[in-house]
Amino acid sequence: MAQTPHKRRWLRWFLIGMPVLLAVVFIGLRMMFAVPDGLDLADQKATDAGLYQVSLTPNAGETTVGPIQQWTIFVMTPEGTPIDGATVGIDGGMPQHGHGMPTTPQVTDDLGNGGYLVEGMKFSMGGWWTMKVTVDGPQGLDAVTFNIVL
Protein backbone atom coordinates (compact mmCIF):
# COMPACT_ATOMS: atom_id res chain seq x y z
CA MET A 1 0.00 0.00 0.00
CA ALA A 2 1.51 3.32 -1.05
CA GLN A 3 1.90 6.15 1.43
CA THR A 4 0.35 9.50 0.67
CA PRO A 5 2.53 12.64 0.90
CA HIS A 6 0.58 13.63 4.02
CA LYS A 7 1.39 10.33 5.77
CA ARG A 8 5.08 10.63 4.81
CA ARG A 9 5.29 14.16 6.27
CA TRP A 10 3.63 13.01 9.46
CA LEU A 11 5.95 10.01 9.73
CA ARG A 12 9.02 12.19 9.06
CA TRP A 13 7.90 14.69 11.73
CA PHE A 14 7.24 11.89 14.17
CA LEU A 15 10.59 10.16 13.62
CA ILE A 16 12.72 13.33 13.53
CA GLY A 17 10.73 16.13 15.14
CA MET A 18 9.41 14.28 18.15
CA PRO A 19 12.84 13.32 19.57
CA VAL A 20 14.05 16.90 19.03
CA LEU A 21 10.97 18.29 20.79
CA LEU A 22 11.40 15.87 23.70
CA ALA A 23 15.09 16.80 24.02
CA VAL A 24 14.24 20.52 24.16
CA VAL A 25 11.57 19.90 26.82
CA PHE A 26 13.92 17.72 28.86
CA ILE A 27 16.74 20.29 28.76
CA GLY A 28 14.32 23.08 29.67
CA LEU A 29 12.99 21.14 32.66
CA ARG A 30 16.49 20.35 33.87
CA MET A 31 17.39 24.04 33.72
CA MET A 32 14.17 25.00 35.51
CA PHE A 33 14.77 22.60 38.39
CA ALA A 34 18.57 22.76 38.60
CA VAL A 35 19.93 24.44 41.71
CA PRO A 36 22.45 27.14 40.77
CA ASP A 37 26.05 26.46 41.74
CA GLY A 38 27.58 28.45 44.57
CA LEU A 39 24.40 29.37 46.44
CA ASP A 40 25.02 30.82 49.89
CA LEU A 41 23.01 28.45 52.12
CA ALA A 42 23.93 30.11 55.42
CA ASP A 43 21.10 30.38 57.92
CA GLN A 44 22.66 33.46 59.55
CA LYS A 45 23.61 36.55 57.55
CA ALA A 46 24.16 40.27 57.75
CA THR A 47 21.41 42.35 56.19
CA ASP A 48 22.07 44.08 52.87
CA ALA A 49 23.20 47.38 54.44
CA GLY A 50 24.85 45.63 57.41
CA LEU A 51 22.45 47.10 59.98
CA TYR A 52 21.48 43.75 61.51
CA GLN A 53 22.55 40.13 61.87
CA VAL A 54 19.61 37.81 61.08
CA SER A 55 19.13 34.07 61.37
CA LEU A 56 16.25 31.99 60.02
CA THR A 57 15.64 28.47 61.36
CA PRO A 58 12.81 25.93 61.22
CA ASN A 59 11.43 25.15 64.69
CA ALA A 60 11.17 21.44 63.82
CA GLY A 61 14.91 21.34 63.12
CA GLU A 62 14.59 20.56 59.40
CA THR A 63 12.85 21.97 56.38
CA THR A 64 10.31 19.69 54.75
CA VAL A 65 8.04 19.77 51.74
CA GLY A 66 4.33 19.70 52.49
CA PRO A 67 3.30 20.55 56.04
CA ILE A 68 2.79 24.07 57.35
CA GLN A 69 5.69 24.90 59.67
CA GLN A 70 6.76 27.38 62.31
CA TRP A 71 10.13 29.06 62.02
CA THR A 72 12.03 31.54 64.17
CA ILE A 73 13.84 34.65 62.99
CA PHE A 74 16.51 36.03 65.31
CA VAL A 75 17.51 39.70 64.88
CA MET A 76 20.67 41.12 66.44
CA THR A 77 22.94 44.09 66.08
CA PRO A 78 26.14 43.45 64.09
CA GLU A 79 27.85 42.99 67.48
CA GLY A 80 25.35 40.28 68.52
CA THR A 81 23.01 42.16 70.87
CA PRO A 82 19.42 40.86 70.49
CA ILE A 83 16.88 43.36 69.16
CA ASP A 84 13.33 43.21 70.51
CA GLY A 85 10.39 45.30 69.34
CA ALA A 86 11.39 45.46 65.66
CA THR A 87 8.90 45.09 62.85
CA VAL A 88 9.93 41.92 61.04
CA GLY A 89 8.44 40.58 57.80
CA ILE A 90 9.05 37.55 55.62
CA ASP A 91 8.20 36.57 52.06
CA GLY A 92 9.50 33.92 49.71
CA GLY A 93 9.24 32.01 46.50
CA MET A 94 11.00 30.01 43.82
CA PRO A 95 12.98 32.33 41.52
CA GLN A 96 13.34 29.76 38.74
CA HIS A 97 9.61 29.07 38.67
CA GLY A 98 8.41 32.64 39.07
CA HIS A 99 5.99 31.92 41.90
CA GLY A 100 5.74 32.69 45.58
CA MET A 101 4.82 30.50 48.48
CA PRO A 102 1.47 28.69 48.60
CA THR A 103 0.83 30.35 51.98
CA THR A 104 1.43 33.81 53.37
CA PRO A 105 3.84 33.39 56.28
CA GLN A 106 3.48 35.95 59.05
CA VAL A 107 5.57 37.02 62.02
CA THR A 108 3.03 36.43 64.80
CA ASP A 109 4.99 36.95 68.03
CA ASP A 110 7.96 38.82 69.44
CA LEU A 111 9.51 36.05 71.54
CA GLY A 112 12.04 38.29 73.27
CA ASN A 113 15.82 37.95 73.20
CA GLY A 114 15.76 38.89 69.50
CA GLY A 115 13.43 36.03 68.47
CA TYR A 116 10.36 36.40 66.25
CA LEU A 117 7.93 33.55 65.58
CA VAL A 118 6.95 32.92 61.95
CA GLU A 119 3.82 30.87 61.27
CA GLY A 120 2.44 29.64 57.96
CA MET A 121 5.64 28.54 56.24
CA LYS A 122 4.84 25.94 53.59
CA PHE A 123 7.01 24.62 50.80
CA SER A 124 4.93 22.97 48.10
CA MET A 125 7.80 21.29 46.24
CA GLY A 126 11.48 20.53 46.34
CA GLY A 127 14.00 22.84 44.72
CA TRP A 128 15.56 26.25 45.29
CA TRP A 129 13.58 28.72 47.42
CA THR A 130 14.49 32.22 48.54
CA MET A 131 13.17 33.83 51.72
CA LYS A 132 13.44 37.59 52.14
CA VAL A 133 13.39 38.90 55.71
CA THR A 134 12.83 42.61 56.32
CA VAL A 135 13.69 44.27 59.62
CA ASP A 136 12.56 47.75 60.66
CA GLY A 137 14.31 48.35 63.96
CA PRO A 138 16.30 50.95 65.87
CA GLN A 139 19.03 51.16 63.19
CA GLY A 140 16.48 51.59 60.36
CA LEU A 141 14.97 49.43 57.62
CA ASP A 142 17.08 46.68 56.08
CA ALA A 143 16.58 43.25 54.46
CA VAL A 144 18.37 39.98 53.82
CA THR A 145 17.62 37.06 51.48
CA PHE A 146 18.19 33.43 52.46
CA ASN A 147 18.56 30.54 50.01
CA ILE A 148 16.91 27.25 50.93
CA VAL A 149 17.25 24.04 48.92
CA LEU A 150 14.81 21.21 49.51
C-alpha atoms as a PDB file:
ATOM      1  CA  MET A   1       0.000   0.000   0.000  1.00  0.00           C
ATOM      2  CA  ALA A   2       1.510   3.320  -1.054  1.00  0.00           C
ATOM      3  CA  GLN A   3       1.903   6.154   1.427  1.00  0.00           C
ATOM      4  CA  THR A   4       0.351   9.503   0.672  1.00  0.00           C
ATOM      5  CA  PRO A   5       2.529  12.645   0.896  1.00  0.00           C
ATOM      6  CA  HIS A   6       0.576  13.631   4.021  1.00  0.00           C
ATOM      7  CA  LYS A   7       1.393  10.330   5.768  1.00  0.00           C
ATOM      8  CA  ARG A   8       5.079  10.626   4.805  1.00  0.00           C
ATOM      9  CA  ARG A   9       5.291  14.163   6.271  1.00  0.00           C
ATOM     10  CA  TRP A  10       3.632  13.011   9.464  1.00  0.00           C
ATOM     11  CA  LEU A  11       5.947  10.010   9.733  1.00  0.00           C
ATOM     12  CA  ARG A  12       9.025  12.193   9.065  1.00  0.00           C
ATOM     13  CA  TRP A  13       7.903  14.686  11.733  1.00  0.00           C
ATOM     14  CA  PHE A  14       7.238  11.892  14.168  1.00  0.00           C
ATOM     15  CA  LEU A  15      10.590  10.158  13.617  1.00  0.00           C
ATOM     16  CA  ILE A  16      12.715  13.330  13.532  1.00  0.00           C
ATOM     17  CA  GLY A  17      10.731  16.131  15.142  1.00  0.00           C
ATOM     18  CA  MET A  18       9.405  14.281  18.153  1.00  0.00           C
ATOM     19  CA  PRO A  19      12.839  13.323  19.569  1.00  0.00           C
ATOM     20  CA  VAL A  20      14.052  16.902  19.032  1.00  0.00           C
ATOM     21  CA  LEU A  21      10.969  18.289  20.794  1.00  0.00           C
ATOM     22  CA  LEU A  22      11.403  15.873  23.702  1.00  0.00           C
ATOM     23  CA  ALA A  23      15.089  16.803  24.018  1.00  0.00           C
ATOM     24  CA  VAL A  24      14.239  20.521  24.164  1.00  0.00           C
ATOM     25  CA  VAL A  25      11.568  19.905  26.818  1.00  0.00           C
ATOM     26  CA  PHE A  26      13.920  17.717  28.863  1.00  0.00           C
ATOM     27  CA  ILE A  27      16.744  20.287  28.756  1.00  0.00           C
ATOM     28  CA  GLY A  28      14.320  23.077  29.674  1.00  0.00           C
ATOM     29  CA  LEU A  29      12.987  21.137  32.655  1.00  0.00           C
ATOM     30  CA  ARG A  30      16.493  20.349  33.867  1.00  0.00           C
ATOM     31  CA  MET A  31      17.394  24.040  33.720  1.00  0.00           C
ATOM     32  CA  MET A  32      14.175  25.002  35.506  1.00  0.00           C
ATOM     33  CA  PHE A  33      14.770  22.598  38.388  1.00  0.00           C
ATOM     34  CA  ALA A  34      18.568  22.763  38.602  1.00  0.00           C
ATOM     35  CA  VAL A  35      19.931  24.441  41.708  1.00  0.00           C
ATOM     36  CA  PRO A  36      22.448  27.145  40.769  1.00  0.00           C
ATOM     37  CA  ASP A  37      26.053  26.458  41.744  1.00  0.00           C
ATOM     38  CA  GLY A  38      27.583  28.453  44.569  1.00  0.00           C
ATOM     39  CA  LEU A  39      24.403  29.374  46.436  1.00  0.00           C
ATOM     40  CA  ASP A  40      25.017  30.815  49.892  1.00  0.00           C
ATOM     41  CA  LEU A  41      23.014  28.452  52.116  1.00  0.00           C
ATOM     42  CA  ALA A  42      23.932  30.115  55.416  1.00  0.00           C
ATOM     43  CA  ASP A  43      21.105  30.379  57.919  1.00  0.00           C
ATOM     44  CA  GLN A  44      22.665  33.459  59.552  1.00  0.00           C
ATOM     45  CA  LYS A  45      23.610  36.553  57.554  1.00  0.00           C
ATOM     46  CA  ALA A  46      24.156  40.268  57.754  1.00  0.00           C
ATOM     47  CA  THR A  47      21.412  42.349  56.186  1.00  0.00           C
ATOM     48  CA  ASP A  48      22.075  44.085  52.872  1.00  0.00           C
ATOM     49  CA  ALA A  49      23.204  47.381  54.444  1.00  0.00           C
ATOM     50  CA  GLY A  50      24.852  45.632  57.410  1.00  0.00           C
ATOM     51  CA  LEU A  51      22.449  47.102  59.985  1.00  0.00           C
ATOM     52  CA  TYR A  52      21.482  43.749  61.507  1.00  0.00           C
ATOM     53  CA  GLN A  53      22.553  40.133  61.867  1.00  0.00           C
ATOM     54  CA  VAL A  54      19.610  37.810  61.081  1.00  0.00           C
ATOM     55  CA  SER A  55      19.132  34.067  61.368  1.00  0.00           C
ATOM     56  CA  LEU A  56      16.254  31.992  60.023  1.00  0.00           C
ATOM     57  CA  THR A  57      15.636  28.475  61.359  1.00  0.00           C
ATOM     58  CA  PRO A  58      12.808  25.930  61.224  1.00  0.00           C
ATOM     59  CA  ASN A  59      11.432  25.145  64.691  1.00  0.00           C
ATOM     60  CA  ALA A  60      11.171  21.440  63.824  1.00  0.00           C
ATOM     61  CA  GLY A  61      14.915  21.341  63.117  1.00  0.00           C
ATOM     62  CA  GLU A  62      14.595  20.557  59.405  1.00  0.00           C
ATOM     63  CA  THR A  63      12.851  21.973  56.380  1.00  0.00           C
ATOM     64  CA  THR A  64      10.310  19.692  54.746  1.00  0.00           C
ATOM     65  CA  VAL A  65       8.036  19.774  51.739  1.00  0.00           C
ATOM     66  CA  GLY A  66       4.327  19.702  52.493  1.00  0.00           C
ATOM     67  CA  PRO A  67       3.298  20.555  56.039  1.00  0.00           C
ATOM     68  CA  ILE A  68       2.788  24.074  57.354  1.00  0.00           C
ATOM     69  CA  GLN A  69       5.686  24.897  59.665  1.00  0.00           C
ATOM     70  CA  GLN A  70       6.755  27.382  62.314  1.00  0.00           C
ATOM     71  CA  TRP A  71      10.130  29.062  62.022  1.00  0.00           C
ATOM     72  CA  THR A  72      12.030  31.536  64.170  1.00  0.00           C
ATOM     73  CA  ILE A  73      13.842  34.647  62.989  1.00  0.00           C
ATOM     74  CA  PHE A  74      16.512  36.033  65.308  1.00  0.00           C
ATOM     75  CA  VAL A  75      17.511  39.696  64.882  1.00  0.00           C
ATOM     76  CA  MET A  76      20.669  41.119  66.437  1.00  0.00           C
ATOM     77  CA  THR A  77      22.937  44.094  66.076  1.00  0.00           C
ATOM     78  CA  PRO A  78      26.137  43.452  64.091  1.00  0.00           C
ATOM     79  CA  GLU A  79      27.851  42.992  67.477  1.00  0.00           C
ATOM     80  CA  GLY A  80      25.350  40.282  68.515  1.00  0.00           C
ATOM     81  CA  THR A  81      23.015  42.159  70.868  1.00  0.00           C
ATOM     82  CA  PRO A  82      19.416  40.861  70.491  1.00  0.00           C
ATOM     83  CA  ILE A  83      16.876  43.365  69.158  1.00  0.00           C
ATOM     84  CA  ASP A  84      13.331  43.213  70.511  1.00  0.00           C
ATOM     85  CA  GLY A  85      10.389  45.303  69.342  1.00  0.00           C
ATOM     86  CA  ALA A  86      11.391  45.457  65.664  1.00  0.00           C
ATOM     87  CA  THR A  87       8.904  45.087  62.853  1.00  0.00           C
ATOM     88  CA  VAL A  88       9.926  41.919  61.039  1.00  0.00           C
ATOM     89  CA  GLY A  89       8.442  40.577  57.800  1.00  0.00           C
ATOM     90  CA  ILE A  90       9.047  37.546  55.616  1.00  0.00           C
ATOM     91  CA  ASP A  91       8.200  36.573  52.060  1.00  0.00           C
ATOM     92  CA  GLY A  92       9.496  33.925  49.713  1.00  0.00           C
ATOM     93  CA  GLY A  93       9.238  32.007  46.496  1.00  0.00           C
ATOM     94  CA  MET A  94      10.999  30.009  43.819  1.00  0.00           C
ATOM     95  CA  PRO A  95      12.975  32.333  41.521  1.00  0.00           C
ATOM     96  CA  GLN A  96      13.340  29.764  38.741  1.00  0.00           C
ATOM     97  CA  HIS A  97       9.608  29.075  38.671  1.00  0.00           C
ATOM     98  CA  GLY A  98       8.408  32.644  39.068  1.00  0.00           C
ATOM     99  CA  HIS A  99       5.993  31.915  41.903  1.00  0.00           C
ATOM    100  CA  GLY A 100       5.744  32.691  45.583  1.00  0.00           C
ATOM    101  CA  MET A 101       4.817  30.500  48.483  1.00  0.00           C
ATOM    102  CA  PRO A 102       1.465  28.686  48.598  1.00  0.00           C
ATOM    103  CA  THR A 103       0.827  30.347  51.980  1.00  0.00           C
ATOM    104  CA  THR A 104       1.432  33.810  53.368  1.00  0.00           C
ATOM    105  CA  PRO A 105       3.839  33.388  56.282  1.00  0.00           C
ATOM    106  CA  GLN A 106       3.480  35.951  59.050  1.00  0.00           C
ATOM    107  CA  VAL A 107       5.565  37.018  62.016  1.00  0.00           C
ATOM    108  CA  THR A 108       3.034  36.433  64.801  1.00  0.00           C
ATOM    109  CA  ASP A 109       4.986  36.955  68.026  1.00  0.00           C
ATOM    110  CA  ASP A 110       7.962  38.825  69.436  1.00  0.00           C
ATOM    111  CA  LEU A 111       9.506  36.048  71.543  1.00  0.00           C
ATOM    112  CA  GLY A 112      12.039  38.290  73.273  1.00  0.00           C
ATOM    113  CA  ASN A 113      15.817  37.948  73.202  1.00  0.00           C
ATOM    114  CA  GLY A 114      15.761  38.888  69.498  1.00  0.00           C
ATOM    115  CA  GLY A 115      13.428  36.034  68.467  1.00  0.00           C
ATOM    116  CA  TYR A 116      10.355  36.399  66.252  1.00  0.00           C
ATOM    117  CA  LEU A 117       7.929  33.545  65.580  1.00  0.00           C
ATOM    118  CA  VAL A 118       6.946  32.917  61.950  1.00  0.00           C
ATOM    119  CA  GLU A 119       3.821  30.870  61.267  1.00  0.00           C
ATOM    120  CA  GLY A 120       2.436  29.639  57.962  1.00  0.00           C
ATOM    121  CA  MET A 121       5.644  28.542  56.244  1.00  0.00           C
ATOM    122  CA  LYS A 122       4.839  25.935  53.593  1.00  0.00           C
ATOM    123  CA  PHE A 123       7.011  24.623  50.802  1.00  0.00           C
ATOM    124  CA  SER A 124       4.930  22.966  48.101  1.00  0.00           C
ATOM    125  CA  MET A 125       7.799  21.292  46.238  1.00  0.00           C
ATOM    126  CA  GLY A 126      11.484  20.528  46.336  1.00  0.00           C
ATOM    127  CA  GLY A 127      14.000  22.838  44.721  1.00  0.00           C
ATOM    128  CA  TRP A 128      15.562  26.254  45.292  1.00  0.00           C
ATOM    129  CA  TRP A 129      13.579  28.717  47.418  1.00  0.00           C
ATOM    130  CA  THR A 130      14.494  32.224  48.544  1.00  0.00           C
ATOM    131  CA  MET A 131      13.171  33.825  51.715  1.00  0.00           C
ATOM    132  CA  LYS A 132      13.437  37.591  52.139  1.00  0.00           C
ATOM    133  CA  VAL A 133      13.387  38.897  55.709  1.00  0.00           C
ATOM    134  CA  THR A 134      12.834  42.609  56.321  1.00  0.00           C
ATOM    135  CA  VAL A 135      13.686  44.273  59.616  1.00  0.00           C
ATOM    136  CA  ASP A 136      12.563  47.745  60.664  1.00  0.00           C
ATOM    137  CA  GLY A 137      14.309  48.349  63.964  1.00  0.00           C
ATOM    138  CA  PRO A 138      16.302  50.952  65.869  1.00  0.00           C
ATOM    139  CA  GLN A 139      19.026  51.163  63.193  1.00  0.00           C
ATOM    140  CA  GLY A 140      16.476  51.588  60.363  1.00  0.00           C
ATOM    141  CA  LEU A 141      14.967  49.433  57.622  1.00  0.00           C
ATOM    142  CA  ASP A 142      17.081  46.678  56.084  1.00  0.00           C
ATOM    143  CA  ALA A 143      16.584  43.248  54.463  1.00  0.00           C
ATOM    144  CA  VAL A 144      18.371  39.983  53.818  1.00  0.00           C
ATOM    145  CA  THR A 145      17.619  37.058  51.483  1.00  0.00           C
ATOM    146  CA  PHE A 146      18.185  33.426  52.460  1.00  0.00           C
ATOM    147  CA  ASN A 147      18.555  30.539  50.012  1.00  0.00           C
ATOM    148  CA  ILE A 148      16.906  27.251  50.926  1.00  0.00           C
ATOM    149  CA  VAL A 149      17.254  24.038  48.919  1.00  0.00           C
ATOM    150  CA  LEU A 150      14.809  21.207  49.507  1.00  0.00           C
END
